[in-house]
């Protein structure tokens, strides 16, 4: 198992989830930001996945977590 130093890295990914809003089942995109050292997690739901929402998710996650890490880890879809 890889060990990380505090502030070394975070992981970012999206998932799609089904939620019930006003009686209607809707699909939302959920941004996940997890600190590699502590495994602390931040999640935020969005109506879709766009560049603006990626930026917003990072901004809100770093504010919530108390700062940014030295690097981010992103999985690419093959």
PDB file of N, CA and C in Angstrom:
ATOM      1  N   UNK A   1       0.846  -1.188   0.000  1.00  0.00           N
ATOM      2  CA  UNK A   1       0.000   0.000   0.000  1.00  0.00           C
ATOM      3  C   UNK A   1       0.883   1.241   0.000  1.00  0.00           C
ATOM      4  N   UNK A   2       0.609   2.157  -0.910  1.00  0.00           N
ATOM      5  CA  UNK A   2       1.370   3.409  -1.029  1.00  0.00           C
ATOM      6  C   UNK A   2       1.043   4.323   0.142  1.00  0.00           C
ATOM      7  N   UNK A   3       2.031   4.919   0.747  1.00  0.00           N
ATOM      8  CA  UNK A   3       1.846   5.884   1.836  1.00  0.00           C
ATOM      9  C   UNK A   3       2.108   7.284   1.304  1.00  0.00           C
ATOM     10  N   UNK A   4       1.336   8.248   1.782  1.00  0.00           N
ATOM     11  CA  UNK A   4       1.460   9.636   1.348  1.00  0.00           C
ATOM     12  C   UNK A   4       1.775  10.515   2.547  1.00  0.00           C
ATOM     13  N   UNK A   5       2.543  11.581   2.308  1.00  0.00           N
ATOM     14  CA  UNK A   5       2.812  12.587   3.331  1.00  0.00           C
ATOM     15  C   UNK A   5       1.645  13.568   3.382  1.00  0.00           C
ATOM     16  N   UNK A   6       1.453  14.252   4.515  1.00  0.00           N
ATOM     17  CA  UNK A   6       0.401  15.277   4.587  1.00  0.00           C
ATOM     18  C   UNK A   6       0.627  16.339   3.509  1.00  0.00           C
ATOM     19  N   UNK A   7      -0.424  16.701   2.800  1.00  0.00           N
ATOM     20  CA  UNK A   7      -0.342  17.731   1.770  1.00  0.00           C
ATOM     21  C   UNK A   7       0.300  17.285   0.467  1.00  0.00           C
ATOM     22  N   UNK A   8       0.643  16.015   0.357  1.00  0.00           N
ATOM     23  CA  UNK A   8       1.319  15.534  -0.851  1.00  0.00           C
ATOM     24  C   UNK A   8       0.371  15.442  -2.042  1.00  0.00           C
ATOM     25  N   UNK A   9      -0.821  14.857  -1.845  1.00  0.00           N
ATOM     26  CA  UNK A   9      -1.678  14.610  -3.005  1.00  0.00           C
ATOM     27  C   UNK A   9      -3.142  14.452  -2.600  1.00  0.00           C
ATOM     28  N   UNK A  10      -3.999  14.676  -3.595  1.00  0.00           N
ATOM     29  CA  UNK A  10      -5.423  14.389  -3.477  1.00  0.00           C
ATOM     30  C   UNK A  10      -5.845  13.627  -4.724  1.00  0.00           C
ATOM     31  N   UNK A  11      -6.975  12.939  -4.630  1.00  0.00           N
ATOM     32  CA  UNK A  11      -7.546  12.249  -5.780  1.00  0.00           C
ATOM     33  C   UNK A  11      -8.859  12.922  -6.139  1.00  0.00           C
ATOM     34  N   UNK A  12      -9.115  13.061  -7.450  1.00  0.00           N
ATOM     35  CA  UNK A  12     -10.355  13.657  -7.932  1.00  0.00           C
ATOM     36  C   UNK A  12     -11.019  12.696  -8.899  1.00  0.00           C
ATOM     37  N   UNK A  13     -12.333  12.566  -8.759  1.00  0.00           N
ATOM     38  CA  UNK A  13     -13.082  11.731  -9.690  1.00  0.00           C
ATOM     39  C   UNK A  13     -14.550  12.157  -9.671  1.00  0.00           C
ATOM     40  N   UNK A  14     -15.276  11.717 -10.680  1.00  0.00           N
ATOM     41  CA  UNK A  14     -16.712  11.946 -10.796  1.00  0.00           C
ATOM     42  C   UNK A  14     -17.452  10.621 -10.653  1.00  0.00           C
ATOM     43  N   UNK A  15     -18.684  10.696 -10.163  1.00  0.00           N
ATOM     44  CA  UNK A  15     -19.596   9.562 -10.242  1.00  0.00           C
ATOM     45  C   UNK A  15     -20.942  10.117 -10.694  1.00  0.00           C
ATOM     46  N   UNK A  16     -21.807   9.245 -11.168  1.00  0.00           N
ATOM     47  CA  UNK A  16     -23.169   9.691 -11.448  1.00  0.00           C
ATOM     48  C   UNK A  16     -24.085   8.949 -10.485  1.00  0.00           C
ATOM     49  N   UNK A  17     -25.009   9.700  -9.935  1.00  0.00           N
ATOM     50  CA  UNK A  17     -25.914   9.174  -8.913  1.00  0.00           C
ATOM     51  C   UNK A  17     -27.346   9.521  -9.284  1.00  0.00           C
ATOM     52  N   UNK A  18     -28.255   8.722  -8.806  1.00  0.00           N
ATOM     53  CA  UNK A  18     -29.682   8.974  -9.017  1.00  0.00           C
ATOM     54  C   UNK A  18     -30.259   9.522  -7.723  1.00  0.00           C
ATOM     55  N   UNK A  19     -30.914  10.678  -7.810  1.00  0.00           N
ATOM     56  CA  UNK A  19     -31.504  11.321  -6.644  1.00  0.00           C
ATOM     57  C   UNK A  19     -32.971  11.625  -6.913  1.00  0.00           C
ATOM     58  N   UNK A  20     -33.727  11.747  -5.858  1.00  0.00           N
ATOM     59  CA  UNK A  20     -35.137  12.082  -5.962  1.00  0.00           C
ATOM     60  C   UNK A  20     -35.304  13.549  -5.574  1.00  0.00           C
ATOM     61  N   UNK A  21     -35.727  14.390  -6.523  1.00  0.00           N
ATOM     62  CA  UNK A  21     -35.933  15.826  -6.286  1.00  0.00           C
ATOM     63  C   UNK A  21     -37.367  16.151  -6.646  1.00  0.00           C
ATOM     64  N   UNK A  22     -38.134  16.602  -5.662  1.00  0.00           N
ATOM     65  CA  UNK A  22     -39.550  16.935  -5.871  1.00  0.00           C
ATOM     66  C   UNK A  22     -40.312  15.790  -6.547  1.00  0.00           C
ATOM     67  N   UNK A  23     -40.024  14.558  -6.111  1.00  0.00           N
ATOM     68  CA  UNK A  23     -40.735  13.406  -6.632  1.00  0.00           C
ATOM     69  C   UNK A  23     -40.262  12.901  -7.982  1.00  0.00           C
ATOM     70  N   UNK A  24     -39.232  13.522  -8.534  1.00  0.00           N
ATOM     71  CA  UNK A  24     -38.716  13.128  -9.852  1.00  0.00           C
ATOM     72  C   UNK A  24     -37.307  12.546  -9.685  1.00  0.00           C
ATOM     73  N   UNK A  25     -37.089  11.356 -10.231  1.00  0.00           N
ATOM     74  CA  UNK A  25     -35.757  10.766 -10.207  1.00  0.00           C
ATOM     75  C   UNK A  25     -34.891  11.456 -11.249  1.00  0.00           C
ATOM     76  N   UNK A  26     -33.749  11.966 -10.796  1.00  0.00           N
ATOM     77  CA  UNK A  26     -32.845  12.749 -11.637  1.00  0.00           C
ATOM     78  C   UNK A  26     -31.429  12.209 -11.487  1.00  0.00           C
ATOM     79  N   UNK A  27     -30.657  12.254 -12.555  1.00  0.00           N
ATOM     80  CA  UNK A  27     -29.244  11.891 -12.499  1.00  0.00           C
ATOM     81  C   UNK A  27     -28.423  13.145 -12.253  1.00  0.00           C
ATOM     82  N   UNK A  28     -27.502  13.075 -11.301  1.00  0.00           N
ATOM     83  CA  UNK A  28     -26.583  14.176 -11.027  1.00  0.00           C
ATOM     84  C   UNK A  28     -25.161  13.639 -11.115  1.00  0.00           C
ATOM     85  N   UNK A  29     -24.227  14.531 -11.346  1.00  0.00           N
ATOM     86  CA  UNK A  29     -22.809  14.195 -11.310  1.00  0.00           C
ATOM     87  C   UNK A  29     -22.279  14.610  -9.941  1.00  0.00           C
ATOM     88  N   UNK A  30     -21.486  13.763  -9.327  1.00  0.00           N
ATOM     89  CA  UNK A  30     -20.941  14.044  -8.006  1.00  0.00           C
ATOM     90  C   UNK A  30     -19.420  14.084  -8.102  1.00  0.00           C
ATOM     91  N   UNK A  31     -18.856  15.212  -7.700  1.00  0.00           N
ATOM     92  CA  UNK A  31     -17.403  15.379  -7.652  1.00  0.00           C
ATOM     93  C   UNK A  31     -16.900  14.849  -6.315  1.00  0.00           C
ATOM     94  N   UNK A  32     -15.824  14.042  -6.367  1.00  0.00           N
ATOM     95  CA  UNK A  32     -15.214  13.470  -5.170  1.00  0.00           C
ATOM     96  C   UNK A  32     -13.770  13.951  -5.100  1.00  0.00           C
ATOM     97  N   UNK A  33     -13.399  14.567  -3.981  1.00  0.00           N
ATOM     98  CA  UNK A  33     -12.013  14.960  -3.746  1.00  0.00           C
ATOM     99  C   UNK A  33     -11.604  14.305  -2.427  1.00  0.00           C
ATOM    100  N   UNK A  34     -10.570  13.473  -2.487  1.00  0.00           N
ATOM    101  CA  UNK A  34     -10.127  12.749  -1.291  1.00  0.00           C
ATOM    102  C   UNK A  34      -8.639  13.013  -1.053  1.00  0.00           C
ATOM    103  N   UNK A  35      -8.310  13.389   0.184  1.00  0.00           N
ATOM    104  CA  UNK A  35      -6.909  13.546   0.555  1.00  0.00           C
ATOM    105  C   UNK A  35      -6.261  12.170   0.654  1.00  0.00           C
ATOM    106  N   UNK A  36      -5.115  12.004   0.061  1.00  0.00           N
ATOM    107  CA  UNK A  36      -4.445  10.696   0.055  1.00  0.00           C
ATOM    108  C   UNK A  36      -3.890  10.333   1.431  1.00  0.00           C
ATOM    109  N   UNK A  37      -3.448  11.325   2.192  1.00  0.00           N
ATOM    110  CA  UNK A  37      -2.834  11.051   3.498  1.00  0.00           C
ATOM    111  C   UNK A  37      -3.874  10.615   4.529  1.00  0.00           C
ATOM    112  N   UNK A  38      -4.894  11.427   4.725  1.00  0.00           N
ATOM    113  CA  UNK A  38      -5.885  11.157   5.778  1.00  0.00           C
ATOM    114  C   UNK A  38      -7.116  10.423   5.272  1.00  0.00           C
ATOM    115  N   UNK A  39      -7.300  10.375   3.947  1.00  0.00           N
ATOM    116  CA  UNK A  39      -8.478   9.797   3.303  1.00  0.00           C
ATOM    117  C   UNK A  39      -9.732  10.642   3.551  1.00  0.00           C
ATOM    118  N   UNK A  40      -9.579  11.891   4.052  1.00  0.00           N
ATOM    119  CA  UNK A  40     -10.711  12.785   4.249  1.00  0.00           C
ATOM    120  C   UNK A  40     -11.366  13.063   2.899  1.00  0.00           C
ATOM    121  N   UNK A  41     -12.694  13.048   2.892  1.00  0.00           N
ATOM    122  CA  UNK A  41     -13.442  13.131   1.645  1.00  0.00           C
ATOM    123  C   UNK A  41     -14.319  14.371   1.595  1.00  0.00           C
ATOM    124  N   UNK A  42     -14.379  14.974   0.407  1.00  0.00           N
ATOM    125  CA  UNK A  42     -15.308  16.063   0.116  1.00  0.00           C
ATOM    126  C   UNK A  42     -16.096  15.654  -1.120  1.00  0.00           C
ATOM    127  N   UNK A  43     -17.414  15.782  -1.066  1.00  0.00           N
ATOM    128  CA  UNK A  43     -18.251  15.489  -2.233  1.00  0.00           C
ATOM    129  C   UNK A  43     -19.226  16.632  -2.448  1.00  0.00           C
ATOM    130  N   UNK A  44     -19.560  16.860  -3.714  1.00  0.00           N
ATOM    131  CA  UNK A  44     -20.533  17.899  -4.072  1.00  0.00           C
ATOM    132  C   UNK A  44     -21.229  17.466  -5.355  1.00  0.00           C
ATOM    133  N   UNK A  45     -22.545  17.591  -5.353  1.00  0.00           N
ATOM    134  CA  UNK A  45     -23.346  17.193  -6.512  1.00  0.00           C
ATOM    135  C   UNK A  45     -23.581  18.380  -7.438  1.00  0.00           C
ATOM    136  N   UNK A  46     -23.608  18.091  -8.747  1.00  0.00           N
ATOM    137  CA  UNK A  46     -23.828  19.092  -9.787  1.00  0.00           C
ATOM    138  C   UNK A  46     -24.840  18.535 -10.794  1.00  0.00           C
ATOM    139  N   UNK A  47     -25.513  19.419 -11.518  1.00  0.00           N
ATOM    140  CA  UNK A  47     -26.486  18.938 -12.508  1.00  0.00           C
ATOM    141  C   UNK A  47     -25.835  18.264 -13.710  1.00  0.00           C
ATOM    142  N   UNK A  48     -24.570  18.568 -13.962  1.00  0.00           N
ATOM    143  CA  UNK A  48     -23.838  17.964 -15.081  1.00  0.00           C
ATOM    144  C   UNK A  48     -22.335  18.132 -14.821  1.00  0.00           C
ATOM    145  N   UNK A  49     -21.532  17.543 -15.666  1.00  0.00           N
ATOM    146  CA  UNK A  49     -20.077  17.634 -15.566  1.00  0.00           C
ATOM    147  C   UNK A  49     -19.588  18.622 -16.619  1.00  0.00           C
ATOM    148  N   UNK A  50     -19.030  19.753 -16.182  1.00  0.00           N
ATOM    149  CA  UNK A  50     -18.503  20.758 -17.097  1.00  0.00           C
ATOM    150  C   UNK A  50     -17.211  21.318 -16.511  1.00  0.00           C
ATOM    151  N   UNK A  51     -16.472  22.026 -17.335  1.00  0.00           N
ATOM    152  CA  UNK A  51     -15.210  22.612 -16.872  1.00  0.00           C
ATOM    153  C   UNK A  51     -15.443  23.559 -15.694  1.00  0.00           C
ATOM    154  N   UNK A  52     -16.490  24.367 -15.778  1.00  0.00           N
ATOM    155  CA  UNK A  52     -16.786  25.304 -14.690  1.00  0.00           C
ATOM    156  C   UNK A  52     -17.079  24.562 -13.391  1.00  0.00           C
ATOM    157  N   UNK A  53     -17.746  23.432 -13.501  1.00  0.00           N
ATOM    158  CA  UNK A  53     -18.081  22.664 -12.308  1.00  0.00           C
ATOM    159  C   UNK A  53     -16.872  21.935 -11.745  1.00  0.00           C
ATOM    160  N   UNK A  54     -15.942  21.547 -12.601  1.00  0.00           N
ATOM    161  CA  UNK A  54     -14.669  20.979 -12.132  1.00  0.00           C
ATOM    162  C   UNK A  54     -13.924  22.025 -11.313  1.00  0.00           C
ATOM    163  N   UNK A  55     -13.825  23.245 -11.842  1.00  0.00           N
ATOM    164  CA  UNK A  55     -13.151  24.331 -11.118  1.00  0.00           C
ATOM    165  C   UNK A  55     -13.853  24.630  -9.802  1.00  0.00           C
ATOM    166  N   UNK A  56     -15.185  24.695  -9.831  1.00  0.00           N
ATOM    167  CA  UNK A  56     -15.959  24.981  -8.621  1.00  0.00           C
ATOM    168  C   UNK A  56     -15.744  23.892  -7.568  1.00  0.00           C
ATOM    169  N   UNK A  57     -15.761  22.635  -7.988  1.00  0.00           N
ATOM    170  CA  UNK A  57     -15.565  21.526  -7.050  1.00  0.00           C
ATOM    171  C   UNK A  57     -14.197  21.613  -6.382  1.00  0.00           C
ATOM    172  N   UNK A  58     -13.157  21.915  -7.166  1.00  0.00           N
ATOM    173  CA  UNK A  58     -11.816  22.046  -6.589  1.00  0.00           C
ATOM    174  C   UNK A  58     -11.763  23.219  -5.611  1.00  0.00           C
ATOM    175  N   UNK A  59     -12.301  24.362  -6.002  1.00  0.00           N
ATOM    176  CA  UNK A  59     -12.287  25.552  -5.154  1.00  0.00           C
ATOM    177  C   UNK A  59     -12.979  25.274  -3.822  1.00  0.00           C
ATOM    178  N   UNK A  60     -14.155  24.679  -3.883  1.00  0.00           N
ATOM    179  CA  UNK A  60     -14.910  24.387  -2.659  1.00  0.00           C
ATOM    180  C   UNK A  60     -14.234  23.303  -1.819  1.00  0.00           C
ATOM    181  N   UNK A  61     -13.661  22.301  -2.471  1.00  0.00           N
ATOM    182  CA  UNK A  61     -12.977  21.239  -1.731  1.00  0.00           C
ATOM    183  C   UNK A  61     -11.766  21.789  -0.986  1.00  0.00           C
ATOM    184  N   UNK A  62     -10.952  22.598  -1.662  1.00  0.00           N
ATOM    185  CA  UNK A  62      -9.760  23.137  -1.003  1.00  0.00           C
ATOM    186  C   UNK A  62     -10.128  24.082   0.139  1.00  0.00           C
ATOM    187  N   UNK A  63     -11.216  24.842  -0.014  1.00  0.00           N
ATOM    188  CA  UNK A  63     -11.685  25.700   1.079  1.00  0.00           C
ATOM    189  C   UNK A  63     -12.128  24.832   2.264  1.00  0.00           C
ATOM    190  N   UNK A  64     -12.865  23.777   1.991  1.00  0.00           N
ATOM    191  CA  UNK A  64     -13.348  22.869   3.033  1.00  0.00           C
ATOM    192  C   UNK A  64     -12.188  22.151   3.724  1.00  0.00           C
ATOM    193  N   UNK A  65     -11.215  21.701   2.943  1.00  0.00           N
ATOM    194  CA  UNK A  65     -10.099  20.922   3.476  1.00  0.00           C
ATOM    195  C   UNK A  65      -9.001  21.783   4.089  1.00  0.00           C
ATOM    196  N   UNK A  66      -9.050  23.088   3.892  1.00  0.00           N
ATOM    197  CA  UNK A  66      -8.079  23.984   4.501  1.00  0.00           C
ATOM    198  C   UNK A  66      -6.834  24.239   3.682  1.00  0.00           C
ATOM    199  N   UNK A  67      -6.889  23.996   2.385  1.00  0.00           N
ATOM    200  CA  UNK A  67      -5.746  24.258   1.507  1.00  0.00           C
ATOM    201  C   UNK A  67      -5.653  23.227   0.409  1.00  0.00           C
ATOM    202  N   UNK A  68      -4.711  23.461  -0.484  1.00  0.00           N
ATOM    203  CA  UNK A  68      -4.500  22.562  -1.624  1.00  0.00           C
ATOM    204  C   UNK A  68      -3.282  21.686  -1.372  1.00  0.00           C
ATOM    205  N   UNK A  69      -3.205  20.595  -2.080  1.00  0.00           N
ATOM    206  CA  UNK A  69      -2.061  19.681  -1.997  1.00  0.00           C
ATOM    207  C   UNK A  69      -1.056  20.017  -3.100  1.00  0.00           C
ATOM    208  N   UNK A  70       0.099  19.397  -3.002  1.00  0.00           N
ATOM    209  CA  UNK A  70       1.152  19.626  -3.994  1.00  0.00           C
ATOM    210  C   UNK A  70       0.773  19.086  -5.368  1.00  0.00           C
ATOM    211  N   UNK A  71      -0.029  18.010  -5.412  1.00  0.00           N
ATOM    212  CA  UNK A  71      -0.421  17.459  -6.703  1.00  0.00           C
ATOM    213  C   UNK A  71      -1.776  16.766  -6.604  1.00  0.00           C
ATOM    214  N   UNK A  72      -2.396  16.646  -7.761  1.00  0.00           N
ATOM    215  CA  UNK A  72      -3.666  15.953  -7.859  1.00  0.00           C
ATOM    216  C   UNK A  72      -3.511  14.691  -8.678  1.00  0.00           C
ATOM    217  N   UNK A  73      -4.303  13.695  -8.350  1.00  0.00           N
ATOM    218  CA  UNK A  73      -4.301  12.435  -9.075  1.00  0.00           C
ATOM    219  C   UNK A  73      -5.663  12.284  -9.736  1.00  0.00           C
ATOM    220  N   UNK A  74      -5.655  12.127 -11.057  1.00  0.00           N
ATOM    221  CA  UNK A  74      -6.883  12.029 -11.836  1.00  0.00           C
ATOM    222  C   UNK A  74      -6.835  10.741 -12.645  1.00  0.00           C
ATOM    223  N   UNK A  75      -7.921   9.996 -12.605  1.00  0.00           N
ATOM    224  CA  UNK A  75      -8.009   8.801 -13.433  1.00  0.00           C
ATOM    225  C   UNK A  75      -8.555   9.204 -14.782  1.00  0.00           C
ATOM    226  N   UNK A  76      -7.946   8.679 -15.824  1.00  0.00           N
ATOM    227  CA  UNK A  76      -8.450   8.969 -17.161  1.00  0.00           C
ATOM    228  C   UNK A  76      -9.266   7.773 -17.643  1.00  0.00           C
ATOM    229  N   UNK A  77     -10.262   8.061 -18.445  1.00  0.00           N
ATOM    230  CA  UNK A  77     -11.064   6.992 -19.013  1.00  0.00           C
ATOM    231  C   UNK A  77     -10.391   6.498 -20.280  1.00  0.00           C
ATOM    232  N   UNK A  78     -10.304   5.207 -20.414  1.00  0.00           N
ATOM    233  CA  UNK A  78      -9.647   4.635 -21.597  1.00  0.00           C
ATOM    234  C   UNK A  78     -10.624   4.455 -22.728  1.00  0.00           C
TER     235      UNK A  78
END
